[in-house]
C-alpha atoms as a PDB file:
ATOM      1  CA  MET A   1    -122.330 162.993 -61.447  1.00  0.00           C
ATOM      2  CA  ARG A   2    -122.531 162.517 -57.672  1.00  0.00           C
ATOM      3  CA  VAL A   3    -121.056 159.158 -56.615  1.00  0.00           C
ATOM      4  CA  ILE A   4    -122.004 157.901 -53.154  1.00  0.00           C
ATOM      5  CA  ILE A   5    -120.175 154.831 -51.867  1.00  0.00           C
ATOM      6  CA  GLU A   6    -121.892 153.150 -48.932  1.00  0.00           C
ATOM      7  CA  LYS A   7    -120.233 150.378 -46.936  1.00  0.00           C
ATOM      8  CA  THR A   8    -122.912 147.744 -47.503  1.00  0.00           C
ATOM      9  CA  ALA A   9    -125.620 146.905 -49.994  1.00  0.00           C
ATOM     10  CA  ALA A  10    -128.264 147.464 -47.318  1.00  0.00           C
ATOM     11  CA  GLN A  11    -126.987 150.977 -46.670  1.00  0.00           C
ATOM     12  CA  ALA A  12    -126.926 151.746 -50.400  1.00  0.00           C
ATOM     13  CA  GLU A  13    -130.485 150.510 -50.797  1.00  0.00           C
ATOM     14  CA  LEU A  14    -131.684 152.524 -47.800  1.00  0.00           C
ATOM     15  CA  ARG A  15    -129.988 155.689 -49.116  1.00  0.00           C
ATOM     16  CA  THR A  16    -131.702 155.177 -52.472  1.00  0.00           C
ATOM     17  CA  ALA A  17    -135.106 154.698 -50.870  1.00  0.00           C
ATOM     18  CA  ARG A  18    -134.666 157.840 -48.767  1.00  0.00           C
ATOM     19  CA  ILE A  19    -133.881 159.933 -51.835  1.00  0.00           C
ATOM     20  CA  MET A  20    -137.011 158.627 -53.546  1.00  0.00           C
ATOM     21  CA  ALA A  21    -139.098 159.225 -50.426  1.00  0.00           C
ATOM     22  CA  ASP A  22    -137.763 162.771 -50.163  1.00  0.00           C
ATOM     23  CA  MET A  23    -138.901 163.391 -53.746  1.00  0.00           C
ATOM     24  CA  ILE A  24    -142.381 162.070 -52.967  1.00  0.00           C
ATOM     25  CA  ARG A  25    -142.672 164.243 -49.859  1.00  0.00           C
ATOM     26  CA  SER A  26    -141.316 167.390 -51.501  1.00  0.00           C
ATOM     27  CA  LYS A  27    -143.363 166.960 -54.681  1.00  0.00           C
ATOM     28  CA  PRO A  28    -146.558 164.988 -53.974  1.00  0.00           C
ATOM     29  CA  GLN A  29    -147.472 165.055 -57.691  1.00  0.00           C
ATOM     30  CA  ALA A  30    -144.074 163.744 -58.812  1.00  0.00           C
ATOM     31  CA  VAL A  31    -143.580 161.506 -61.830  1.00  0.00           C
ATOM     32  CA  LEU A  32    -141.254 158.611 -61.022  1.00  0.00           C
ATOM     33  CA  GLY A  33    -139.461 156.370 -63.477  1.00  0.00           C
ATOM     34  CA  LEU A  34    -139.116 152.887 -62.023  1.00  0.00           C
ATOM     35  CA  ALA A  35    -136.883 149.869 -62.585  1.00  0.00           C
ATOM     36  CA  THR A  36    -137.240 146.146 -61.949  1.00  0.00           C
ATOM     37  CA  GLY A  37    -134.894 143.235 -61.262  1.00  0.00           C
ATOM     38  CA  GLY A  38    -133.141 142.152 -58.102  1.00  0.00           C
ATOM     39  CA  THR A  39    -131.481 145.494 -57.362  1.00  0.00           C
ATOM     40  CA  PRO A  40    -134.517 147.635 -56.399  1.00  0.00           C
ATOM     41  CA  VAL A  41    -136.482 145.026 -54.402  1.00  0.00           C
ATOM     42  CA  ASN A  42    -135.268 146.220 -51.010  1.00  0.00           C
ATOM     43  CA  VAL A  43    -135.701 149.844 -52.098  1.00  0.00           C
ATOM     44  CA  TYR A  44    -139.383 149.181 -52.761  1.00  0.00           C
ATOM     45  CA  GLN A  45    -139.725 147.319 -49.462  1.00  0.00           C
ATOM     46  CA  GLU A  46    -138.412 150.385 -47.633  1.00  0.00           C
ATOM     47  CA  LEU A  47    -140.836 152.660 -49.503  1.00  0.00           C
ATOM     48  CA  VAL A  48    -143.685 150.336 -48.531  1.00  0.00           C
ATOM     49  CA  ARG A  49    -142.520 150.443 -44.908  1.00  0.00           C
ATOM     50  CA  GLN A  50    -142.438 154.233 -44.956  1.00  0.00           C
ATOM     51  CA  HIS A  51    -145.950 154.292 -46.428  1.00  0.00           C
ATOM     52  CA  GLN A  52    -147.284 151.952 -43.748  1.00  0.00           C
ATOM     53  CA  GLU A  53    -145.371 153.361 -40.770  1.00  0.00           C
ATOM     54  CA  GLU A  54    -144.537 156.960 -41.688  1.00  0.00           C
ATOM     55  CA  ASP A  55    -147.503 157.947 -43.876  1.00  0.00           C
ATOM     56  CA  LEU A  56    -145.510 158.273 -47.107  1.00  0.00           C
ATOM     57  CA  ASP A  57    -148.284 159.288 -49.504  1.00  0.00           C
ATOM     58  CA  PHE A  58    -148.366 157.919 -53.067  1.00  0.00           C
ATOM     59  CA  SER A  59    -151.868 159.173 -53.895  1.00  0.00           C
ATOM     60  CA  GLY A  60    -150.676 161.880 -56.294  1.00  0.00           C
ATOM     61  CA  ILE A  61    -147.712 159.999 -57.765  1.00  0.00           C
ATOM     62  CA  LYS A  62    -147.462 158.870 -61.393  1.00  0.00           C
ATOM     63  CA  THR A  63    -145.020 156.151 -62.455  1.00  0.00           C
ATOM     64  CA  PHE A  64    -143.500 154.933 -65.717  1.00  0.00           C
ATOM     65  CA  ASN A  65    -141.499 151.741 -65.837  1.00  0.00           C
ATOM     66  CA  LEU A  66    -138.437 151.381 -68.012  1.00  0.00           C
ATOM     67  CA  ASP A  67    -139.300 148.199 -69.854  1.00  0.00           C
ATOM     68  CA  GLU A  68    -141.254 144.977 -70.296  1.00  0.00           C
ATOM     69  CA  TYR A  69    -140.715 141.598 -71.925  1.00  0.00           C
ATOM     70  CA  VAL A  70    -142.506 141.100 -75.223  1.00  0.00           C
ATOM     71  CA  GLY A  71    -145.055 138.298 -75.015  1.00  0.00           C
ATOM     72  CA  LEU A  72    -145.697 138.422 -71.266  1.00  0.00           C
ATOM     73  CA  GLY A  73    -149.022 139.673 -69.959  1.00  0.00           C
ATOM     74  CA  PRO A  74    -149.480 141.465 -66.624  1.00  0.00           C
ATOM     75  CA  LYS A  75    -150.447 138.268 -64.771  1.00  0.00           C
ATOM     76  CA  HIS A  76    -147.317 136.376 -65.824  1.00  0.00           C
ATOM     77  CA  PRO A  77    -145.103 135.969 -62.724  1.00  0.00           C
ATOM     78  CA  GLN A  78    -142.008 137.071 -64.661  1.00  0.00           C
ATOM     79  CA  SER A  79    -143.570 140.140 -66.242  1.00  0.00           C
ATOM     80  CA  PHE A  80    -142.403 143.483 -64.956  1.00  0.00           C
ATOM     81  CA  ARG A  81    -145.988 144.607 -64.369  1.00  0.00           C
ATOM     82  CA  PHE A  82    -146.458 141.624 -62.048  1.00  0.00           C
ATOM     83  CA  PHE A  83    -143.156 142.471 -60.320  1.00  0.00           C
ATOM     84  CA  MET A  84    -144.252 146.038 -59.668  1.00  0.00           C
ATOM     85  CA  GLN A  85    -147.641 144.974 -58.317  1.00  0.00           C
ATOM     86  CA  GLU A  86    -146.038 142.432 -55.986  1.00  0.00           C
ATOM     87  CA  ASN A  87    -143.221 144.646 -54.751  1.00  0.00           C
ATOM     88  CA  LEU A  88    -144.776 148.129 -54.612  1.00  0.00           C
ATOM     89  CA  PHE A  89    -148.089 149.045 -56.198  1.00  0.00           C
ATOM     90  CA  ASP A  90    -150.313 146.613 -54.250  1.00  0.00           C
ATOM     91  CA  HIS A  91    -148.912 147.835 -50.939  1.00  0.00           C
ATOM     92  CA  VAL A  92    -149.190 151.616 -51.232  1.00  0.00           C
ATOM     93  CA  ASN A  93    -152.009 154.077 -51.942  1.00  0.00           C
ATOM     94  CA  ILE A  94    -151.103 154.772 -55.552  1.00  0.00           C
ATOM     95  CA  ASP A  95    -153.832 155.177 -58.174  1.00  0.00           C
ATOM     96  CA  PRO A  96    -153.551 152.091 -60.448  1.00  0.00           C
ATOM     97  CA  ALA A  97    -154.489 154.257 -63.432  1.00  0.00           C
ATOM     98  CA  GLN A  98    -151.355 156.327 -62.823  1.00  0.00           C
ATOM     99  CA  THR A  99    -148.957 153.349 -62.982  1.00  0.00           C
ATOM    100  CA  HIS A 100    -147.588 152.754 -66.459  1.00  0.00           C
ATOM    101  CA  VAL A 101    -145.637 149.744 -67.725  1.00  0.00           C
ATOM    102  CA  PRO A 102    -145.119 148.960 -71.422  1.00  0.00           C
ATOM    103  CA  ASP A 103    -147.589 146.321 -72.602  1.00  0.00           C
ATOM    104  CA  GLY A 104    -145.716 143.162 -73.515  1.00  0.00           C
ATOM    105  CA  ARG A 105    -148.740 141.910 -75.461  1.00  0.00           C
ATOM    106  CA  ALA A 106    -148.834 144.899 -77.826  1.00  0.00           C
ATOM    107  CA  LEU A 107    -148.279 143.826 -81.430  1.00  0.00           C
ATOM    108  CA  ASP A 108    -148.127 147.304 -82.934  1.00  0.00           C
ATOM    109  CA  PHE A 109    -144.700 147.881 -81.418  1.00  0.00           C
ATOM    110  CA  ASP A 110    -144.006 151.239 -83.022  1.00  0.00           C
ATOM    111  CA  GLY A 111    -147.446 152.630 -82.245  1.00  0.00           C
ATOM    112  CA  HIS A 112    -147.388 151.437 -78.658  1.00  0.00           C
ATOM    113  CA  CYS A 113    -143.928 152.889 -78.049  1.00  0.00           C
ATOM    114  CA  ARG A 114    -144.909 156.254 -79.532  1.00  0.00           C
ATOM    115  CA  HIS A 115    -147.962 156.274 -77.275  1.00  0.00           C
ATOM    116  CA  TYR A 116    -145.789 155.491 -74.234  1.00  0.00           C
ATOM    117  CA  GLU A 117    -143.556 158.443 -75.041  1.00  0.00           C
ATOM    118  CA  GLN A 118    -146.648 160.615 -75.487  1.00  0.00           C
ATOM    119  CA  ARG A 119    -147.981 159.624 -72.067  1.00  0.00           C
ATOM    120  CA  ILE A 120    -144.664 160.544 -70.436  1.00  0.00           C
ATOM    121  CA  ALA A 121    -144.789 163.934 -72.142  1.00  0.00           C
ATOM    122  CA  GLU A 122    -148.432 164.486 -71.132  1.00  0.00           C
ATOM    123  CA  ALA A 123    -147.486 163.723 -67.509  1.00  0.00           C
ATOM    124  CA  GLY A 124    -144.942 166.540 -67.663  1.00  0.00           C
ATOM    125  CA  GLY A 125    -141.852 164.345 -67.979  1.00  0.00           C
ATOM    126  CA  ILE A 126    -140.124 162.180 -65.397  1.00  0.00           C
ATOM    127  CA  ASP A 127    -138.897 163.939 -62.261  1.00  0.00           C
ATOM    128  CA  LEU A 128    -136.738 161.113 -60.899  1.00  0.00           C
ATOM    129  CA  GLN A 129    -135.681 158.040 -62.861  1.00  0.00           C
ATOM    130  CA  LEU A 130    -134.506 155.017 -60.862  1.00  0.00           C
ATOM    131  CA  LEU A 131    -131.972 152.873 -62.734  1.00  0.00           C
ATOM    132  CA  GLY A 132    -129.948 149.724 -62.341  1.00  0.00           C
ATOM    133  CA  ILE A 133    -127.023 148.698 -64.515  1.00  0.00           C
ATOM    134  CA  GLY A 134    -126.229 145.469 -66.326  1.00  0.00           C
ATOM    135  CA  VAL A 135    -122.889 143.739 -65.976  1.00  0.00           C
ATOM    136  CA  ASP A 136    -122.097 144.911 -69.513  1.00  0.00           C
ATOM    137  CA  GLY A 137    -122.963 148.505 -68.637  1.00  0.00           C
ATOM    138  CA  HIS A 138    -126.449 148.726 -70.141  1.00  0.00           C
ATOM    139  CA  ILE A 139    -129.362 150.695 -68.672  1.00  0.00           C
ATOM    140  CA  ALA A 140    -132.970 149.587 -69.119  1.00  0.00           C
ATOM    141  CA  PHE A 141    -132.744 147.144 -72.057  1.00  0.00           C
ATOM    142  CA  ASN A 142    -130.462 149.420 -74.069  1.00  0.00           C
ATOM    143  CA  GLU A 143    -127.909 146.774 -74.937  1.00  0.00           C
ATOM    144  CA  PRO A 144    -124.317 147.603 -75.970  1.00  0.00           C
ATOM    145  CA  GLY A 145    -124.382 149.376 -79.312  1.00  0.00           C
ATOM    146  CA  SER A 146    -127.742 151.055 -78.720  1.00  0.00           C
ATOM    147  CA  SER A 147    -128.090 154.614 -79.958  1.00  0.00           C
ATOM    148  CA  LEU A 148    -127.496 157.165 -77.218  1.00  0.00           C
ATOM    149  CA  GLY A 149    -130.350 159.173 -78.704  1.00  0.00           C
ATOM    150  CA  SER A 150    -132.777 156.247 -78.823  1.00  0.00           C
ATOM    151  CA  ARG A 151    -136.441 156.465 -77.835  1.00  0.00           C
ATOM    152  CA  THR A 152    -138.849 153.880 -76.419  1.00  0.00           C
ATOM    153  CA  ARG A 153    -138.770 150.989 -78.861  1.00  0.00           C
ATOM    154  CA  LEU A 154    -138.573 147.248 -79.495  1.00  0.00           C
ATOM    155  CA  LYS A 155    -135.175 145.787 -78.595  1.00  0.00           C
ATOM    156  CA  THR A 156    -133.567 142.379 -79.121  1.00  0.00           C
ATOM    157  CA  LEU A 157    -131.890 141.211 -75.915  1.00  0.00           C
ATOM    158  CA  ALA A 158    -128.222 140.233 -75.849  1.00  0.00           C
ATOM    159  CA  GLY A 159    -127.242 136.709 -74.920  1.00  0.00           C
ATOM    160  CA  GLU A 160    -125.569 137.932 -71.725  1.00  0.00           C
ATOM    161  CA  THR A 161    -128.770 139.689 -70.633  1.00  0.00           C
ATOM    162  CA  ILE A 162    -130.815 136.573 -71.289  1.00  0.00           C
ATOM    163  CA  ARG A 163    -128.371 134.456 -69.260  1.00  0.00           C
ATOM    164  CA  GLN A 164    -128.432 136.967 -66.400  1.00  0.00           C
ATOM    165  CA  ASN A 165    -132.240 136.899 -66.318  1.00  0.00           C
ATOM    166  CA  GLU A 166    -132.623 133.124 -66.502  1.00  0.00           C
ATOM    167  CA  LYS A 167    -132.518 132.943 -62.693  1.00  0.00           C
ATOM    168  CA  TYR A 168    -135.868 134.730 -62.520  1.00  0.00           C
ATOM    169  CA  PHE A 169    -137.618 132.116 -64.688  1.00  0.00           C
ATOM    170  CA  PRO A 170    -138.592 128.549 -63.748  1.00  0.00           C
ATOM    171  CA  GLU A 171    -136.214 125.897 -65.014  1.00  0.00           C
ATOM    172  CA  GLY A 172    -137.039 124.999 -68.592  1.00  0.00           C
ATOM    173  CA  GLU A 173    -139.018 128.181 -69.304  1.00  0.00           C
ATOM    174  CA  GLN A 174    -137.540 130.263 -72.093  1.00  0.00           C
ATOM    175  CA  VAL A 175    -136.525 133.841 -71.343  1.00  0.00           C
ATOM    176  CA  PRO A 176    -138.101 136.222 -73.882  1.00  0.00           C
ATOM    177  CA  ARG A 177    -135.672 137.462 -76.513  1.00  0.00           C
ATOM    178  CA  LEU A 178    -137.463 140.764 -77.161  1.00  0.00           C
ATOM    179  CA  ALA A 179    -138.424 143.655 -74.907  1.00  0.00           C
ATOM    180  CA  LEU A 180    -139.998 147.084 -75.098  1.00  0.00           C
ATOM    181  CA  THR A 181    -137.709 149.604 -73.452  1.00  0.00           C
ATOM    182  CA  MET A 182    -137.287 153.302 -72.870  1.00  0.00           C
ATOM    183  CA  GLY A 183    -134.417 154.556 -74.978  1.00  0.00           C
ATOM    184  CA  VAL A 184    -131.260 156.203 -73.718  1.00  0.00           C
ATOM    185  CA  GLY A 185    -132.511 159.515 -75.082  1.00  0.00           C
ATOM    186  CA  THR A 186    -135.790 159.090 -73.202  1.00  0.00           C
ATOM    187  CA  ILE A 187    -133.936 158.407 -69.954  1.00  0.00           C
ATOM    188  CA  LEU A 188    -131.677 161.421 -70.426  1.00  0.00           C
ATOM    189  CA  GLU A 189    -134.749 163.676 -70.582  1.00  0.00           C
ATOM    190  CA  SER A 190    -135.604 162.842 -66.960  1.00  0.00           C
ATOM    191  CA  ARG A 191    -134.993 165.794 -64.661  1.00  0.00           C
ATOM    192  CA  SER A 192    -132.826 163.642 -62.400  1.00  0.00           C
ATOM    193  CA  CYS A 193    -131.493 160.092 -62.456  1.00  0.00           C
ATOM    194  CA  LEU A 194    -130.716 157.799 -59.527  1.00  0.00           C
ATOM    195  CA  LEU A 195    -128.658 154.689 -60.277  1.00  0.00           C
ATOM    196  CA  LEU A 196    -128.176 151.927 -57.715  1.00  0.00           C
ATOM    197  CA  ALA A 197    -125.659 149.088 -58.035  1.00  0.00           C
ATOM    198  CA  THR A 198    -124.422 146.563 -55.490  1.00  0.00           C
ATOM    199  CA  GLY A 199    -122.051 143.634 -55.603  1.00  0.00           C
ATOM    200  CA  SER A 200    -118.601 143.052 -57.031  1.00  0.00           C
ATOM    201  CA  HIS A 201    -120.058 141.727 -60.301  1.00  0.00           C
ATOM    202  CA  LYS A 202    -121.109 145.316 -61.092  1.00  0.00           C
ATOM    203  CA  ALA A 203    -117.694 146.872 -60.350  1.00  0.00           C
ATOM    204  CA  SER A 204    -116.413 146.838 -63.937  1.00  0.00           C
ATOM    205  CA  ALA A 205    -119.629 148.323 -65.310  1.00  0.00           C
ATOM    206  CA  ILE A 206    -119.641 151.078 -62.672  1.00  0.00           C
ATOM    207  CA  ARG A 207    -116.067 152.055 -63.430  1.00  0.00           C
ATOM    208  CA  SER A 208    -116.787 152.179 -67.167  1.00  0.00           C
ATOM    209  CA  MET A 209    -119.948 154.213 -66.621  1.00  0.00           C
ATOM    210  CA  VAL A 210    -118.414 156.771 -64.239  1.00  0.00           C
ATOM    211  CA  GLU A 211    -114.805 157.017 -65.352  1.00  0.00           C
ATOM    212  CA  GLY A 212    -114.712 155.654 -68.884  1.00  0.00           C
ATOM    213  CA  PRO A 213    -115.480 157.375 -72.174  1.00  0.00           C
ATOM    214  CA  VAL A 214    -119.042 158.063 -73.295  1.00  0.00           C
ATOM    215  CA  THR A 215    -119.775 155.241 -75.708  1.00  0.00           C
ATOM    216  CA  ALA A 216    -122.723 153.333 -77.110  1.00  0.00           C
ATOM    217  CA  GLN A 217    -120.934 150.147 -76.042  1.00  0.00           C
ATOM    218  CA  ILE A 218    -121.604 151.154 -72.398  1.00  0.00           C
ATOM    219  CA  THR A 219    -124.996 152.802 -72.653  1.00  0.00           C
ATOM    220  CA  ALA A 220    -124.946 153.839 -68.974  1.00  0.00           C
ATOM    221  CA  SER A 221    -121.954 156.069 -69.785  1.00  0.00           C
ATOM    222  CA  ALA A 222    -124.409 158.456 -71.462  1.00  0.00           C
ATOM    223  CA  LEU A 223    -125.398 159.510 -67.944  1.00  0.00           C
ATOM    224  CA  GLN A 224    -122.162 161.515 -67.878  1.00  0.00           C
ATOM    225  CA  LEU A 225    -123.991 163.935 -70.171  1.00  0.00           C
ATOM    226  CA  HIS A 226    -126.913 164.409 -67.775  1.00  0.00           C
ATOM    227  CA  ARG A 227    -126.960 167.452 -65.503  1.00  0.00           C
ATOM    228  CA  GLU A 228    -128.242 165.678 -62.364  1.00  0.00           C
ATOM    229  CA  VAL A 229    -127.234 162.067 -61.736  1.00  0.00           C
ATOM    230  CA  THR A 230    -126.679 160.375 -58.395  1.00  0.00           C
ATOM    231  CA  VAL A 231    -124.916 157.004 -58.402  1.00  0.00           C
ATOM    232  CA  ILE A 232    -125.189 154.954 -55.208  1.00  0.00           C
ATOM    233  CA  VAL A 233    -123.028 151.856 -54.814  1.00  0.00           C
ATOM    234  CA  ASP A 234    -121.765 149.651 -52.045  1.00  0.00           C
ATOM    235  CA  GLU A 235    -118.037 149.175 -51.554  1.00  0.00           C
ATOM    236  CA  ALA A 236    -118.050 146.017 -53.665  1.00  0.00           C
ATOM    237  CA  ALA A 237    -119.649 147.687 -56.689  1.00  0.00           C
ATOM    238  CA  GLY A 238    -117.432 150.748 -56.256  1.00  0.00           C
ATOM    239  CA  GLY A 239    -114.281 148.737 -55.767  1.00  0.00           C
ATOM    240  CA  TRP A 240    -112.800 149.431 -59.214  1.00  0.00           C
ATOM    241  CA  LEU A 241    -113.314 153.189 -59.154  1.00  0.00           C
ATOM    242  CA  GLU A 242    -109.956 154.960 -59.364  1.00  0.00           C
ATOM    243  CA  ARG A 243    -111.172 158.213 -57.772  1.00  0.00           C
ATOM    244  CA  ARG A 244    -112.890 156.716 -54.732  1.00  0.00           C
ATOM    245  CA  ASP A 245    -111.131 159.078 -52.335  1.00  0.00           C
ATOM    246  CA  TYR A 246    -112.298 162.135 -54.270  1.00  0.00           C
ATOM    247  CA  TYR A 247    -115.898 160.892 -54.362  1.00  0.00           C
ATOM    248  CA  ALA A 248    -115.731 160.438 -50.588  1.00  0.00           C
ATOM    249  CA  ASP A 249    -114.425 163.998 -50.185  1.00  0.00           C
ATOM    250  CA  VAL A 250    -117.221 165.354 -52.381  1.00  0.00           C
ATOM    251  CA  GLU A 251    -119.823 163.468 -50.374  1.00  0.00           C
ATOM    252  CA  ALA A 252    -118.391 164.773 -47.101  1.00  0.00           C
ATOM    253  CA  CYS A 253    -118.691 168.331 -48.428  1.00  0.00           C
ATOM    254  CA  HIS A 254    -122.279 167.659 -49.529  1.00  0.00           C
ATOM    255  CA  GLN A 255    -123.118 166.474 -46.020  1.00  0.00           C
ATOM    256  CA  LEU A 256    -121.616 169.602 -44.457  1.00  0.00           C
ATOM    257  CA  LEU A 257    -123.521 171.849 -46.866  1.00  0.00           C
ATOM    258  CA  GLU A 258    -126.802 170.023 -46.311  1.00  0.00           C
ATOM    259  CA  THR A 259    -126.446 170.308 -42.520  1.00  0.00           C
ATOM    260  CA  GLY A 260    -125.414 173.945 -42.631  1.00  0.00           C
ATOM    261  CA  GLN A 261    -121.901 173.406 -41.292  1.00  0.00           C
ATOM    262  CA  LEU A 262    -120.431 176.148 -43.438  1.00  0.00           C
ATOM    263  CA  ARG A 263    -117.535 177.026 -41.165  1.00  0.00           C
ATOM    264  CA  ALA A 264    -116.164 173.510 -41.602  1.00  0.00           C
ATOM    265  CA  LEU A 265    -115.927 174.342 -45.313  1.00  0.00           C
ATOM    266  CA  GLY A 266    -114.132 177.616 -44.716  1.00  0.00           C
ATOM    267  CA  ILE A 267    -117.231 179.697 -45.450  1.00  0.00           C
ATOM    268  CA  GLY A 268    -117.901 182.661 -43.197  1.00  0.00           C
ATOM    269  CA  ASN A 269    -114.651 182.447 -41.238  1.00  0.00           C
END
């Protein structure tokens, strides 16, 4: 697990966007797993900017979103499909037919979720999965106690998740209690994962995910088992990490390797 600690949230968001843009440029037919919520908004804005100003090409890209509220259609302002259209899809040259979000109106939950998994498989699997993390350490809507081998399925949301998401809904409108979500096992099958977290309210969850035991009570901790995970945080979100100095040393070595400064690493002396 590569842990990158940036000084500010803006720097962490920009670093995340650059990694995603590098994937798009290096693999124009890439399959991206996408996330919603407050965390990735500025990431998507940067990708839109690069499309408009630097010719970042989405024409061959396929996307699969992590989750969707049950009961909300694509035109509902709080649906994740609406979020993606507003923040990314409507502003880049992506083929709408290649953007996939679970259908919150589906009533055959099991059948729809199996079909979603099948479409991911038919696309060749997810190359890069963007993730956020809940304050209780969950990824997607895999609440504490979720199976670490779980697949895309119907999930009942925890009270804490509902309270956290109330700010996105108009006052008096009920937050849905059910969601369709990729499972932890589905996420772990992605070729690489990129998790972004900012703010001191995420510090406890980040420490548990990176440095705690692998446990279903912190579903993000399952990422410790993945072969290629990059975690990008600002100093506030990384403030509880006990091995911050080591992560900084690792990142410095990565930078030297990536820029070919081998002598600075004692190679070739």
